[in-house]
Full PDB file with SEQRES, HELIX, SHEET, SSBOND, CRYST1, ORIGX, SCALE, CONECT and MASTER records, all heavy atoms in Angstrom:
SEQRES   1 A   43  TRP ALA LEU ILE ASP GLU ILE SER LYS LEU ASN ASN GLU          
SEQRES   2 A   43  GLY ILE LEU ILE ASN ASN GLN ASN LEU TYR ILE ALA GLU          
SEQRES   3 A   43  ASN ILE CYS LEU ILE LEU PRO ILE HIS LYS ILE ILE ASP          
SEQRES   4 A   43  GLU VAL ASN GLU                                              
HELIX    1 AA1 ALA A    2  ASN A   12  1                                  11    
HELIX    2 AA2 PRO A   33  ASN A   42  1                                  10    
CRYST1    1.000    1.000    1.000  90.00  90.00  90.00 P 1           1          
ORIGX1      1.000000  0.000000  0.000000        0.00000                         
ORIGX2      0.000000  1.000000  0.000000        0.00000                         
ORIGX3      0.000000  0.000000  1.000000        0.00000                         
SCALE1      1.000000  0.000000  0.000000        0.00000                         
SCALE2      0.000000  1.000000  0.000000        0.00000                         
SCALE3      0.000000  0.000000  1.000000        0.00000                         
ATOM      1  N   TRP A   1       0.858  -1.188  -0.052  1.00  0.00           N  
ATOM      2  CA  TRP A   1      -0.024  -0.010  -0.012  1.00  0.00           C  
ATOM      3  C   TRP A   1       0.927   1.205  -0.018  1.00  0.00           C  
ATOM      4  O   TRP A   1       0.555   2.176  -0.706  1.00  0.00           O  
ATOM      5  CB  TRP A   1      -1.010  -0.012   1.235  1.00  0.00           C  
ATOM      6  CG  TRP A   1      -1.888  -1.121   1.120  1.00  0.00           C  
ATOM      7  CD1 TRP A   1      -3.184  -1.135   0.549  1.00  0.00           C  
ATOM      8  CD2 TRP A   1      -1.745  -2.439   1.882  1.00  0.00           C  
ATOM      9  NE1 TRP A   1      -3.845  -2.306   0.699  1.00  0.00           N  
ATOM     10  CE2 TRP A   1      -2.941  -3.152   1.524  1.00  0.00           C  
ATOM     11  CE3 TRP A   1      -0.780  -3.025   2.520  1.00  0.00           C  
ATOM     12  CZ2 TRP A   1      -3.134  -4.381   1.866  1.00  0.00           C  
ATOM     13  CZ3 TRP A   1      -0.935  -4.342   2.978  1.00  0.00           C  
ATOM     14  CH2 TRP A   1      -2.184  -5.062   2.585  1.00  0.00           C  
ATOM     15  N   ALA A   2       1.982   1.263   0.780  1.00  0.00           N  
ATOM     16  CA  ALA A   2       2.837   2.467   0.798  1.00  0.00           C  
ATOM     17  C   ALA A   2       3.484   2.514  -0.592  1.00  0.00           C  
ATOM     18  O   ALA A   2       3.641   3.713  -1.126  1.00  0.00           O  
ATOM     19  CB  ALA A   2       3.948   2.137   1.886  1.00  0.00           C  
ATOM     20  N   LEU A   3       3.839   1.466  -1.242  1.00  0.00           N  
ATOM     21  CA  LEU A   3       4.523   1.521  -2.500  1.00  0.00           C  
ATOM     22  C   LEU A   3       3.584   2.132  -3.497  1.00  0.00           C  
ATOM     23  O   LEU A   3       3.979   3.003  -4.354  1.00  0.00           O  
ATOM     24  CB  LEU A   3       4.955   0.253  -2.977  1.00  0.00           C  
ATOM     25  CG  LEU A   3       5.607   0.233  -4.401  1.00  0.00           C  
ATOM     26  CD1 LEU A   3       6.932   0.895  -4.443  1.00  0.00           C  
ATOM     27  CD2 LEU A   3       5.840  -1.232  -4.909  1.00  0.00           C  
ATOM     28  N   ILE A   4       2.386   1.678  -3.541  1.00  0.00           N  
ATOM     29  CA  ILE A   4       1.445   2.257  -4.598  1.00  0.00           C  
ATOM     30  C   ILE A   4       1.129   3.560  -4.288  1.00  0.00           C  
ATOM     31  O   ILE A   4       1.113   4.410  -5.371  1.00  0.00           O  
ATOM     32  CB  ILE A   4       0.141   1.321  -4.673  1.00  0.00           C  
ATOM     33  CG1 ILE A   4       0.381  -0.107  -5.072  1.00  0.00           C  
ATOM     34  CG2 ILE A   4      -0.946   2.089  -5.491  1.00  0.00           C  
ATOM     35  CD1 ILE A   4       0.926  -0.170  -6.375  1.00  0.00           C  
ATOM     36  N   ASP A   5       1.202   3.993  -3.035  1.00  0.00           N  
ATOM     37  CA  ASP A   5       0.951   5.422  -2.768  1.00  0.00           C  
ATOM     38  C   ASP A   5       2.153   6.249  -3.305  1.00  0.00           C  
ATOM     39  O   ASP A   5       1.936   7.442  -3.796  1.00  0.00           O  
ATOM     40  CB  ASP A   5       0.664   5.622  -1.267  1.00  0.00           C  
ATOM     41  CG  ASP A   5       0.506   7.090  -0.833  1.00  0.00           C  
ATOM     42  OD1 ASP A   5      -0.472   7.659  -1.254  1.00  0.00           O  
ATOM     43  OD2 ASP A   5       1.302   7.638  -0.045  1.00  0.00           O  
ATOM     44  N   GLU A   6       3.268   5.761  -3.153  1.00  0.00           N  
ATOM     45  CA  GLU A   6       4.545   6.520  -3.532  1.00  0.00           C  
ATOM     46  C   GLU A   6       4.557   6.603  -5.074  1.00  0.00           C  
ATOM     47  O   GLU A   6       4.921   7.642  -5.586  1.00  0.00           O  
ATOM     48  CB  GLU A   6       5.772   5.657  -3.029  1.00  0.00           C  
ATOM     49  CG  GLU A   6       7.062   6.424  -3.150  1.00  0.00           C  
ATOM     50  CD  GLU A   6       8.245   5.802  -2.445  1.00  0.00           C  
ATOM     51  OE1 GLU A   6       8.046   5.157  -1.290  1.00  0.00           O  
ATOM     52  OE2 GLU A   6       9.409   5.815  -2.877  1.00  0.00           O  
ATOM     53  N   ILE A   7       4.032   5.422  -5.706  1.00  0.00           N  
ATOM     54  CA  ILE A   7       4.108   5.527  -7.078  1.00  0.00           C  
ATOM     55  C   ILE A   7       3.164   6.565  -7.648  1.00  0.00           C  
ATOM     56  O   ILE A   7       3.381   7.339  -8.516  1.00  0.00           O  
ATOM     57  CB  ILE A   7       3.731   4.170  -7.711  1.00  0.00           C  
ATOM     58  CG1 ILE A   7       4.879   3.066  -7.524  1.00  0.00           C  
ATOM     59  CG2 ILE A   7       3.397   4.196  -9.229  1.00  0.00           C  
ATOM     60  CD1 ILE A   7       4.622   1.809  -7.768  1.00  0.00           C  
ATOM     61  N   SER A   8       2.008   6.664  -7.047  1.00  0.00           N  
ATOM     62  CA  SER A   8       0.819   7.523  -7.446  1.00  0.00           C  
ATOM     63  C   SER A   8       1.398   8.986  -7.244  1.00  0.00           C  
ATOM     64  O   SER A   8       1.116   9.775  -8.139  1.00  0.00           O  
ATOM     65  CB  SER A   8      -0.312   7.276  -6.552  1.00  0.00           C  
ATOM     66  OG  SER A   8      -1.440   8.197  -6.754  1.00  0.00           O  
ATOM     67  N   LYS A   9       2.127   9.286  -6.145  1.00  0.00           N  
ATOM     68  CA  LYS A   9       2.647  10.585  -5.931  1.00  0.00           C  
ATOM     69  C   LYS A   9       3.587  11.055  -7.020  1.00  0.00           C  
ATOM     70  O   LYS A   9       3.603  12.231  -7.480  1.00  0.00           O  
ATOM     71  CB  LYS A   9       3.141  10.690  -4.566  1.00  0.00           C  
ATOM     72  CG  LYS A   9       2.133  10.737  -3.389  1.00  0.00           C  
ATOM     73  CD  LYS A   9       2.832  10.842  -2.025  1.00  0.00           C  
ATOM     74  CE  LYS A   9       1.831  10.726  -0.973  1.00  0.00           C  
ATOM     75  NZ  LYS A   9       2.440  10.710   0.365  1.00  0.00           N  
ATOM     76  N   LEU A  10       4.413  10.150  -7.302  1.00  0.00           N  
ATOM     77  CA  LEU A  10       5.463  10.415  -8.436  1.00  0.00           C  
ATOM     78  C   LEU A  10       4.857  10.622  -9.753  1.00  0.00           C  
ATOM     79  O   LEU A  10       5.204  11.372 -10.581  1.00  0.00           O  
ATOM     80  CB  LEU A  10       6.641   9.337  -8.344  1.00  0.00           C  
ATOM     81  CG  LEU A  10       7.581   9.401  -7.205  1.00  0.00           C  
ATOM     82  CD1 LEU A  10       8.567   8.309  -7.395  1.00  0.00           C  
ATOM     83  CD2 LEU A  10       8.284  10.749  -7.099  1.00  0.00           C  
ATOM     84  N   ASN A  11       3.888   9.718  -9.991  1.00  0.00           N  
ATOM     85  CA  ASN A  11       3.031   9.859 -11.230  1.00  0.00           C  
ATOM     86  C   ASN A  11       2.425  11.183 -11.514  1.00  0.00           C  
ATOM     87  O   ASN A  11       2.433  11.919 -12.582  1.00  0.00           O  
ATOM     88  CB  ASN A  11       1.947   8.767 -11.463  1.00  0.00           C  
ATOM     89  CG  ASN A  11       2.541   7.335 -11.773  1.00  0.00           C  
ATOM     90  OD1 ASN A  11       3.656   7.352 -12.289  1.00  0.00           O  
ATOM     91  ND2 ASN A  11       1.805   6.333 -11.525  1.00  0.00           N  
ATOM     92  N   ASN A  12       1.966  11.808 -10.344  1.00  0.00           N  
ATOM     93  CA  ASN A  12       1.291  13.130 -10.267  1.00  0.00           C  
ATOM     94  C   ASN A  12       2.395  14.184 -10.551  1.00  0.00           C  
ATOM     95  O   ASN A  12       2.059  15.332 -10.995  1.00  0.00           O  
ATOM     96  CB  ASN A  12       0.619  13.312  -9.102  1.00  0.00           C  
ATOM     97  CG  ASN A  12      -0.651  12.431  -8.868  1.00  0.00           C  
ATOM     98  OD1 ASN A  12      -1.257  12.000  -9.927  1.00  0.00           O  
ATOM     99  ND2 ASN A  12      -1.062  12.159  -7.657  1.00  0.00           N  
ATOM    100  N   GLU A  13       3.620  13.864 -10.193  1.00  0.00           N  
ATOM    101  CA  GLU A  13       4.717  14.830 -10.483  1.00  0.00           C  
ATOM    102  C   GLU A  13       5.430  14.657 -11.755  1.00  0.00           C  
ATOM    103  O   GLU A  13       6.493  15.271 -11.985  1.00  0.00           O  
ATOM    104  CB  GLU A  13       5.759  14.744  -9.274  1.00  0.00           C  
ATOM    105  CG  GLU A  13       5.057  15.156  -7.873  1.00  0.00           C  
ATOM    106  CD  GLU A  13       6.036  15.088  -6.885  1.00  0.00           C  
ATOM    107  OE1 GLU A  13       7.252  14.959  -7.103  1.00  0.00           O  
ATOM    108  OE2 GLU A  13       5.706  15.039  -5.614  1.00  0.00           O  
ATOM    109  N   GLY A  14       4.882  13.792 -12.550  1.00  0.00           N  
ATOM    110  CA  GLY A  14       5.429  13.613 -14.011  1.00  0.00           C  
ATOM    111  C   GLY A  14       6.497  12.594 -14.127  1.00  0.00           C  
ATOM    112  O   GLY A  14       7.095  12.390 -15.033  1.00  0.00           O  
ATOM    113  N   ILE A  15       6.701  11.787 -13.004  1.00  0.00           N  
ATOM    114  CA  ILE A  15       7.582  10.636 -13.121  1.00  0.00           C  
ATOM    115  C   ILE A  15       6.678   9.287 -13.248  1.00  0.00           C  
ATOM    116  O   ILE A  15       6.157   8.919 -12.330  1.00  0.00           O  
ATOM    117  CB  ILE A  15       8.487  10.507 -11.757  1.00  0.00           C  
ATOM    118  CG1 ILE A  15       9.025  11.879 -11.388  1.00  0.00           C  
ATOM    119  CG2 ILE A  15       9.404   9.379 -11.847  1.00  0.00           C  
ATOM    120  CD1 ILE A  15      10.106  12.267 -12.232  1.00  0.00           C  
ATOM    121  N   LEU A  16       6.778   8.904 -14.495  1.00  0.00           N  
ATOM    122  CA  LEU A  16       6.025   7.705 -14.844  1.00  0.00           C  
ATOM    123  C   LEU A  16       6.684   6.436 -14.465  1.00  0.00           C  
ATOM    124  O   LEU A  16       7.830   6.140 -14.708  1.00  0.00           O  
ATOM    125  CB  LEU A  16       5.658   7.632 -16.293  1.00  0.00           C  
ATOM    126  CG  LEU A  16       4.835   9.016 -16.807  1.00  0.00           C  
ATOM    127  CD1 LEU A  16       4.596   8.940 -18.264  1.00  0.00           C  
ATOM    128  CD2 LEU A  16       3.660   9.151 -16.026  1.00  0.00           C  
ATOM    129  N   ILE A  17       5.974   5.648 -13.853  1.00  0.00           N  
ATOM    130  CA  ILE A  17       6.529   4.264 -13.200  1.00  0.00           C  
ATOM    131  C   ILE A  17       5.559   3.185 -13.840  1.00  0.00           C  
ATOM    132  O   ILE A  17       4.363   3.171 -13.719  1.00  0.00           O  
ATOM    133  CB  ILE A  17       6.516   4.238 -11.739  1.00  0.00           C  
ATOM    134  CG1 ILE A  17       7.484   5.409 -11.296  1.00  0.00           C  
ATOM    135  CG2 ILE A  17       6.999   2.925 -11.243  1.00  0.00           C  
ATOM    136  CD1 ILE A  17       7.304   5.638  -9.883  1.00  0.00           C  
ATOM    137  N   ASN A  18       6.184   2.127 -14.492  1.00  0.00           N  
ATOM    138  CA  ASN A  18       5.456   1.079 -14.961  1.00  0.00           C  
ATOM    139  C   ASN A  18       6.405  -0.090 -14.984  1.00  0.00           C  
ATOM    140  O   ASN A  18       7.466  -0.008 -14.396  1.00  0.00           O  
ATOM    141  CB  ASN A  18       4.961   1.341 -16.498  1.00  0.00           C  
ATOM    142  CG  ASN A  18       6.242   1.838 -17.360  1.00  0.00           C  
ATOM    143  OD1 ASN A  18       7.313   1.147 -17.341  1.00  0.00           O  
ATOM    144  ND2 ASN A  18       6.017   2.817 -18.019  1.00  0.00           N  
ATOM    145  N   ASN A  19       5.873  -1.296 -15.488  1.00  0.00           N  
ATOM    146  CA  ASN A  19       6.582  -2.589 -15.452  1.00  0.00           C  
ATOM    147  C   ASN A  19       7.767  -2.651 -16.465  1.00  0.00           C  
ATOM    148  O   ASN A  19       8.369  -3.666 -16.599  1.00  0.00           O  
ATOM    149  CB  ASN A  19       5.706  -3.763 -15.664  1.00  0.00           C  
ATOM    150  CG  ASN A  19       4.934  -3.835 -16.864  1.00  0.00           C  
ATOM    151  OD1 ASN A  19       5.175  -2.885 -17.804  1.00  0.00           O  
ATOM    152  ND2 ASN A  19       4.077  -4.782 -17.132  1.00  0.00           N  
ATOM    153  N   GLN A  20       8.137  -1.565 -17.080  1.00  0.00           N  
ATOM    154  CA  GLN A  20       9.262  -1.490 -17.811  1.00  0.00           C  
ATOM    155  C   GLN A  20      10.403  -0.762 -17.141  1.00  0.00           C  
ATOM    156  O   GLN A  20      11.682  -0.933 -17.506  1.00  0.00           O  
ATOM    157  CB  GLN A  20       8.976  -0.728 -19.146  1.00  0.00           C  
ATOM    158  CG  GLN A  20       8.086  -1.372 -20.062  1.00  0.00           C  
ATOM    159  CD  GLN A  20       8.213  -2.846 -20.407  1.00  0.00           C  
ATOM    160  OE1 GLN A  20       9.355  -3.028 -21.045  1.00  0.00           O  
ATOM    161  NE2 GLN A  20       7.421  -3.777 -20.039  1.00  0.00           N  
ATOM    162  N   ASN A  21      10.110  -0.044 -15.980  1.00  0.00           N  
ATOM    163  CA  ASN A  21      11.245   0.679 -15.417  1.00  0.00           C  
ATOM    164  C   ASN A  21      11.338   0.262 -13.899  1.00  0.00           C  
ATOM    165  O   ASN A  21      12.193   0.703 -13.127  1.00  0.00           O  
ATOM    166  CB  ASN A  21      11.221   2.059 -15.554  1.00  0.00           C  
ATOM    167  CG  ASN A  21       9.992   2.875 -15.039  1.00  0.00           C  
ATOM    168  OD1 ASN A  21       9.086   2.118 -14.402  1.00  0.00           O  
ATOM    169  ND2 ASN A  21       9.954   4.068 -15.206  1.00  0.00           N  
ATOM    170  N   LEU A  22      10.292  -0.678 -13.365  1.00  0.00           N  
ATOM    171  CA  LEU A  22      10.211  -1.085 -12.091  1.00  0.00           C  
ATOM    172  C   LEU A  22      10.013  -2.515 -11.954  1.00  0.00           C  
ATOM    173  O   LEU A  22       9.132  -3.047 -12.584  1.00  0.00           O  
ATOM    174  CB  LEU A  22       9.211  -0.297 -11.225  1.00  0.00           C  
ATOM    175  CG  LEU A  22       9.135  -0.695  -9.732  1.00  0.00           C  
ATOM    176  CD1 LEU A  22      10.449  -0.501  -8.954  1.00  0.00           C  
ATOM    177  CD2 LEU A  22       7.909  -0.152  -9.041  1.00  0.00           C  
ATOM    178  N   TYR A  23      10.827  -3.305 -11.290  1.00  0.00           N  
ATOM    179  CA  TYR A  23      10.816  -4.670 -11.130  1.00  0.00           C  
ATOM    180  C   TYR A  23      10.882  -5.005  -9.618  1.00  0.00           C  
ATOM    181  O   TYR A  23      11.722  -4.481  -8.951  1.00  0.00           O  
ATOM    182  CB  TYR A  23      11.918  -5.496 -12.029  1.00  0.00           C  
ATOM    183  CG  TYR A  23      11.943  -5.154 -13.356  1.00  0.00           C  
ATOM    184  CD1 TYR A  23      12.578  -3.987 -13.768  1.00  0.00           C  
ATOM    185  CD2 TYR A  23      11.427  -5.982 -14.329  1.00  0.00           C  
ATOM    186  CE1 TYR A  23      12.566  -3.628 -15.125  1.00  0.00           C  
ATOM    187  CE2 TYR A  23      11.247  -5.643 -15.638  1.00  0.00           C  
ATOM    188  CZ  TYR A  23      11.863  -4.581 -16.147  1.00  0.00           C  
ATOM    189  OH  TYR A  23      11.931  -4.188 -17.414  1.00  0.00           O  
ATOM    190  N   ILE A  24      10.009  -5.986  -9.203  1.00  0.00           N  
ATOM    191  CA  ILE A  24      10.009  -6.338  -7.731  1.00  0.00           C  
ATOM    192  C   ILE A  24      10.240  -7.799  -7.632  1.00  0.00           C  
ATOM    193  O   ILE A  24       9.493  -8.583  -8.280  1.00  0.00           O  
ATOM    194  CB  ILE A  24       8.737  -5.862  -7.029  1.00  0.00           C  
ATOM    195  CG1 ILE A  24       8.471  -4.344  -7.214  1.00  0.00           C  
ATOM    196  CG2 ILE A  24       8.668  -6.188  -5.555  1.00  0.00           C  
ATOM    197  CD1 ILE A  24       7.118  -3.885  -6.662  1.00  0.00           C  
ATOM    198  N   ALA A  25      11.079  -8.187  -6.715  1.00  0.00           N  
ATOM    199  CA  ALA A  25      11.357  -9.612  -6.539  1.00  0.00           C  
ATOM    200  C   ALA A  25      10.028 -10.454  -6.160  1.00  0.00           C  
ATOM    201  O   ALA A  25       9.436 -10.009  -5.281  1.00  0.00           O  
ATOM    202  CB  ALA A  25      12.324  -9.887  -5.516  1.00  0.00           C  
ATOM    203  N   GLU A  26       9.724 -11.421  -6.901  1.00  0.00           N  
ATOM    204  CA  GLU A  26       8.497 -12.111  -6.807  1.00  0.00           C  
ATOM    205  C   GLU A  26       8.486 -12.902  -5.357  1.00  0.00           C  
ATOM    206  O   GLU A  26       7.416 -13.146  -4.798  1.00  0.00           O  
ATOM    207  CB  GLU A  26       8.296 -13.148  -7.907  1.00  0.00           C  
ATOM    208  CG  GLU A  26       9.381 -14.198  -8.222  1.00  0.00           C  
ATOM    209  CD  GLU A  26       9.150 -14.998  -9.406  1.00  0.00           C  
ATOM    210  OE1 GLU A  26       8.292 -14.775 -10.025  1.00  0.00           O  
ATOM    211  OE2 GLU A  26      10.109 -15.810  -9.588  1.00  0.00           O  
ATOM    212  N   ASN A  27       9.703 -13.105  -4.835  1.00  0.00           N  
ATOM    213  CA  ASN A  27       9.877 -13.765  -3.445  1.00  0.00           C  
ATOM    214  C   ASN A  27      10.008 -12.723  -2.379  1.00  0.00           C  
ATOM    215  O   ASN A  27      10.293 -13.192  -1.233  1.00  0.00           O  
ATOM    216  CB  ASN A  27      10.940 -14.756  -3.492  1.00  0.00           C  
ATOM    217  CG  ASN A  27      12.336 -14.106  -3.910  1.00  0.00           C  
ATOM    218  OD1 ASN A  27      12.386 -13.167  -4.622  1.00  0.00           O  
ATOM    219  ND2 ASN A  27      13.379 -14.724  -3.324  1.00  0.00           N  
ATOM    220  N   ILE A  28       9.653 -11.490  -2.607  1.00  0.00           N  
ATOM    221  CA  ILE A  28       9.864 -10.522  -1.569  1.00  0.00           C  
ATOM    222  C   ILE A  28       8.682 -10.769  -0.454  1.00  0.00           C  
ATOM    223  O   ILE A  28       7.610 -11.192  -0.870  1.00  0.00           O  
ATOM    224  CB  ILE A  28       9.624  -9.110  -2.087  1.00  0.00           C  
ATOM    225  CG1 ILE A  28      10.352  -7.961  -1.146  1.00  0.00           C  
ATOM    226  CG2 ILE A  28       8.278  -8.756  -2.506  1.00  0.00           C  
ATOM    227  CD1 ILE A  28      10.361  -6.647  -1.825  1.00  0.00           C  
ATOM    228  N   CYS A  29       8.974 -10.570   0.751  1.00  0.00           N  
ATOM    229  CA  CYS A  29       7.939 -10.652   1.857  1.00  0.00           C  
ATOM    230  C   CYS A  29       7.267  -9.464   2.081  1.00  0.00           C  
ATOM    231  O   CYS A  29       7.873  -8.290   2.107  1.00  0.00           O  
ATOM    232  CB  CYS A  29       8.773 -11.173   3.057  1.00  0.00           C  
ATOM    233  SG  CYS A  29       9.439 -12.828   2.966  1.00  0.00           S  
ATOM    234  N   LEU A  30       5.965  -9.585   2.318  1.00  0.00           N  
ATOM    235  CA  LEU A  30       5.152  -8.352   2.506  1.00  0.00           C  
ATOM    236  C   LEU A  30       4.958  -7.937   3.914  1.00  0.00           C  
ATOM    237  O   LEU A  30       4.889  -8.772   4.904  1.00  0.00           O  
ATOM    238  CB  LEU A  30       3.744  -8.758   1.883  1.00  0.00           C  
ATOM    239  CG  LEU A  30       3.660  -9.091   0.420  1.00  0.00           C  
ATOM    240  CD1 LEU A  30       2.193  -9.324   0.058  1.00  0.00           C  
ATOM    241  CD2 LEU A  30       4.389  -8.097  -0.452  1.00  0.00           C  
ATOM    242  N   ILE A  31       4.870  -6.596   4.054  1.00  0.00           N  
ATOM    243  CA  ILE A  31       4.393  -6.051   5.363  1.00  0.00           C  
ATOM    244  C   ILE A  31       2.872  -5.884   5.273  1.00  0.00           C  
ATOM    245  O   ILE A  31       2.306  -5.254   4.442  1.00  0.00           O  
ATOM    246  CB  ILE A  31       5.118  -4.678   5.527  1.00  0.00           C  
ATOM    247  CG1 ILE A  31       6.548  -4.725   5.778  1.00  0.00           C  
ATOM    248  CG2 ILE A  31       4.589  -3.924   6.810  1.00  0.00           C  
ATOM    249  CD1 ILE A  31       7.272  -3.417   5.650  1.00  0.00           C  
ATOM    250  N   LEU A  32       2.168  -6.377   6.323  1.00  0.00           N  
ATOM    251  CA  LEU A  32       0.660  -6.401   6.349  1.00  0.00           C  
ATOM    252  C   LEU A  32       0.340  -5.579   7.461  1.00  0.00           C  
ATOM    253  O   LEU A  32       1.104  -5.225   8.357  1.00  0.00           O  
ATOM    254  CB  LEU A  32       0.206  -7.865   6.597  1.00  0.00           C  
ATOM    255  CG  LEU A  32       0.699  -8.843   5.477  1.00  0.00           C  
ATOM    256  CD1 LEU A  32       0.127 -10.176   5.691  1.00  0.00           C  
ATOM    257  CD2 LEU A  32       0.254  -8.242   4.060  1.00  0.00           C  
ATOM    258  N   PRO A  33      -0.990  -5.111   7.556  1.00  0.00           N  
ATOM    259  CA  PRO A  33      -1.493  -4.411   8.639  1.00  0.00           C  
ATOM    260  C   PRO A  33      -1.241  -4.982  10.007  1.00  0.00           C  
ATOM    261  O   PRO A  33      -0.831  -4.194  11.091  1.00  0.00           O  
ATOM    262  CB  PRO A  33      -2.849  -4.271   8.366  1.00  0.00           C  
ATOM    263  CG  PRO A  33      -3.117  -4.507   6.931  1.00  0.00           C  
ATOM    264  CD  PRO A  33      -2.024  -5.334   6.526  1.00  0.00           C  
ATOM    265  N   ILE A  34      -1.140  -6.253  10.075  1.00  0.00           N  
ATOM    266  CA  ILE A  34      -0.946  -6.952  11.471  1.00  0.00           C  
ATOM    267  C   ILE A  34       0.497  -6.592  11.905  1.00  0.00           C  
ATOM    268  O   ILE A  34       0.796  -6.585  13.070  1.00  0.00           O  
ATOM    269  CB  ILE A  34      -1.042  -8.476  11.405  1.00  0.00           C  
ATOM    270  CG1 ILE A  34      -1.181  -9.159  12.655  1.00  0.00           C  
ATOM    271  CG2 ILE A  34       0.005  -9.146  10.434  1.00  0.00           C  
ATOM    272  CD1 ILE A  34      -1.659 -10.479  12.720  1.00  0.00           C  
ATOM    273  N   HIS A  35       1.428  -6.357  11.090  1.00  0.00           N  
ATOM    274  CA  HIS A  35       2.865  -6.232  11.426  1.00  0.00           C  
ATOM    275  C   HIS A  35       2.999  -4.687  12.127  1.00  0.00           C  
ATOM    276  O   HIS A  35       3.753  -4.660  13.072  1.00  0.00           O  
ATOM    277  CB  HIS A  35       3.783  -6.276  10.245  1.00  0.00           C  
ATOM    278  CG  HIS A  35       3.828  -7.623   9.762  1.00  0.00           C  
ATOM    279  ND1 HIS A  35       3.711  -7.977   8.374  1.00  0.00           N  
ATOM    280  CD2 HIS A  35       4.165  -8.810  10.223  1.00  0.00           C  
ATOM    281  CE1 HIS A  35       3.831  -9.178   8.238  1.00  0.00           C  
ATOM    282  NE2 HIS A  35       4.120  -9.766   9.279  1.00  0.00           N  
ATOM    283  N   LYS A  36       2.244  -3.806  11.554  1.00  0.00           N  
ATOM    284  CA  LYS A  36       2.193  -2.460  12.348  1.00  0.00           C  
ATOM    285  C   LYS A  36       1.674  -2.499  13.598  1.00  0.00           C  
ATOM    286  O   LYS A  36       2.168  -1.795  14.613  1.00  0.00           O  
ATOM    287  CB  LYS A  36       1.451  -1.555  11.390  1.00  0.00           C  
ATOM    288  CG  LYS A  36       2.089  -1.295  10.029  1.00  0.00           C  
ATOM    289  CD  LYS A  36       1.144  -0.380   9.109  1.00  0.00           C  
ATOM    290  CE  LYS A  36       1.750  -0.285   7.709  1.00  0.00           C  
ATOM    291  NZ  LYS A  36       1.052   0.464   6.920  1.00  0.00           N  
ATOM    292  N   ILE A  37       0.656  -3.336  13.884  1.00  0.00           N  
ATOM    293  CA  ILE A  37       0.069  -3.533  15.063  1.00  0.00           C  
ATOM    294  C   ILE A  37       1.134  -4.211  16.209  1.00  0.00           C  
ATOM    295  O   ILE A  37       1.316  -3.838  17.279  1.00  0.00           O  
ATOM    296  CB  ILE A  37      -1.193  -4.156  15.194  1.00  0.00           C  
ATOM    297  CG1 ILE A  37      -2.285  -3.514  14.324  1.00  0.00           C  
ATOM    298  CG2 ILE A  37      -1.785  -4.599  16.612  1.00  0.00           C  
ATOM    299  CD1 ILE A  37      -3.581  -4.161  14.129  1.00  0.00           C  
ATOM    300  N   ILE A  38       1.682  -5.320  15.645  1.00  0.00           N  
ATOM    301  CA  ILE A  38       2.672  -5.950  16.397  1.00  0.00           C  
ATOM    302  C   ILE A  38       3.909  -5.028  16.724  1.00  0.00           C  
ATOM    303  O   ILE A  38       4.513  -5.229  17.880  1.00  0.00           O  
ATOM    304  CB  ILE A  38       3.138  -7.177  15.707  1.00  0.00           C  
ATOM    305  CG1 ILE A  38       1.997  -8.178  15.473  1.00  0.00           C  
ATOM    306  CG2 ILE A  38       4.410  -7.817  16.373  1.00  0.00           C  
ATOM    307  CD1 ILE A  38       1.523  -8.753  16.791  1.00  0.00           C  
ATOM    308  N   ASP A  39       4.321  -4.125  15.876  1.00  0.00           N  
ATOM    309  CA  ASP A  39       5.404  -3.168  16.047  1.00  0.00           C  
ATOM    310  C   ASP A  39       4.974  -2.392  17.245  1.00  0.00           C  
ATOM    311  O   ASP A  39       5.887  -2.028  18.180  1.00  0.00           O  
ATOM    312  CB  ASP A  39       5.520  -2.280  14.834  1.00  0.00           C  
ATOM    313  CG  ASP A  39       6.954  -1.954  14.542  1.00  0.00           C  
ATOM    314  OD1 ASP A  39       7.790  -2.260  15.446  1.00  0.00           O  
ATOM    315  OD2 ASP A  39       7.305  -1.441  13.463  1.00  0.00           O  
ATOM    316  N   GLU A  40       3.767  -1.962  17.311  1.00  0.00           N  
ATOM    317  CA  GLU A  40       3.230  -1.009  18.398  1.00  0.00           C  
ATOM    318  C   GLU A  40       3.296  -1.793  19.773  1.00  0.00           C  
ATOM    319  O   GLU A  40       3.695  -1.172  20.781  1.00  0.00           O  
ATOM    320  CB  GLU A  40       1.833  -0.558  18.059  1.00  0.00           C  
ATOM    321  CG  GLU A  40       1.221   0.334  19.199  1.00  0.00           C  
ATOM    322  CD  GLU A  40      -0.181   0.727  18.835  1.00  0.00           C  
ATOM    323  OE1 GLU A  40      -0.634   0.459  17.670  1.00  0.00           O  
ATOM    324  OE2 GLU A  40      -1.020   1.113  19.733  1.00  0.00           O  
ATOM    325  N   VAL A  41       2.754  -3.060  19.795  1.00  0.00           N  
ATOM    326  CA  VAL A  41       2.757  -3.898  20.847  1.00  0.00           C  
ATOM    327  C   VAL A  41       4.170  -4.091  21.389  1.00  0.00           C  
ATOM    328  O   VAL A  41       4.327  -4.076  22.539  1.00  0.00           O  
ATOM    329  CB  VAL A  41       2.063  -5.244  20.564  1.00  0.00           C  
ATOM    330  CG1 VAL A  41       2.290  -6.262  21.714  1.00  0.00           C  
ATOM    331  CG2 VAL A  41       0.521  -5.037  20.320  1.00  0.00           C  
ATOM    332  N   ASN A  42       5.158  -4.327  20.472  1.00  0.00           N  
ATOM    333  CA  ASN A  42       6.450  -4.553  20.949  1.00  0.00           C  
ATOM    334  C   ASN A  42       7.004  -3.400  21.646  1.00  0.00           C  
ATOM    335  O   ASN A  42       7.789  -3.610  22.697  1.00  0.00           O  
ATOM    336  CB  ASN A  42       7.348  -4.825  19.664  1.00  0.00           C  
ATOM    337  CG  ASN A  42       7.163  -6.284  19.003  1.00  0.00           C  
ATOM    338  OD1 ASN A  42       6.623  -7.120  19.698  1.00  0.00           O  
ATOM    339  ND2 ASN A  42       7.535  -6.515  17.844  1.00  0.00           N  
ATOM    340  N   GLU A  43       6.865  -2.203  21.163  1.00  0.00           N  
ATOM    341  CA  GLU A  43       7.389  -0.993  21.799  1.00  0.00           C  
ATOM    342  C   GLU A  43       6.641  -0.706  23.136  1.00  0.00           C  
ATOM    343  O   GLU A  43       7.296  -0.335  24.028  1.00  0.00           O  
ATOM    344  CB  GLU A  43       7.126   0.196  20.937  1.00  0.00           C  
ATOM    345  CG  GLU A  43       8.066   0.272  19.668  1.00  0.00           C  
ATOM    346  CD  GLU A  43       9.511   0.668  20.108  1.00  0.00           C  
ATOM    347  OE1 GLU A  43      10.198  -0.220  20.618  1.00  0.00           O  
ATOM    348  OE2 GLU A  43       9.920   1.725  19.966  1.00  0.00           O  
TER     349      GLU A  43                                                      
MASTER        0    0    0    2    0    0    0    6  348    1    0    4          
END                                                                             
């Protein structure tokens, strides 16, 4: 969600991002809403 938001902001500023200039590892691990809650609990 953070990535798509970042892409959207840059697109609005004239920096076009697509699957020809951005590649993401298919085995990358995701941050989910539960992780942010656990982060808070840990602190």
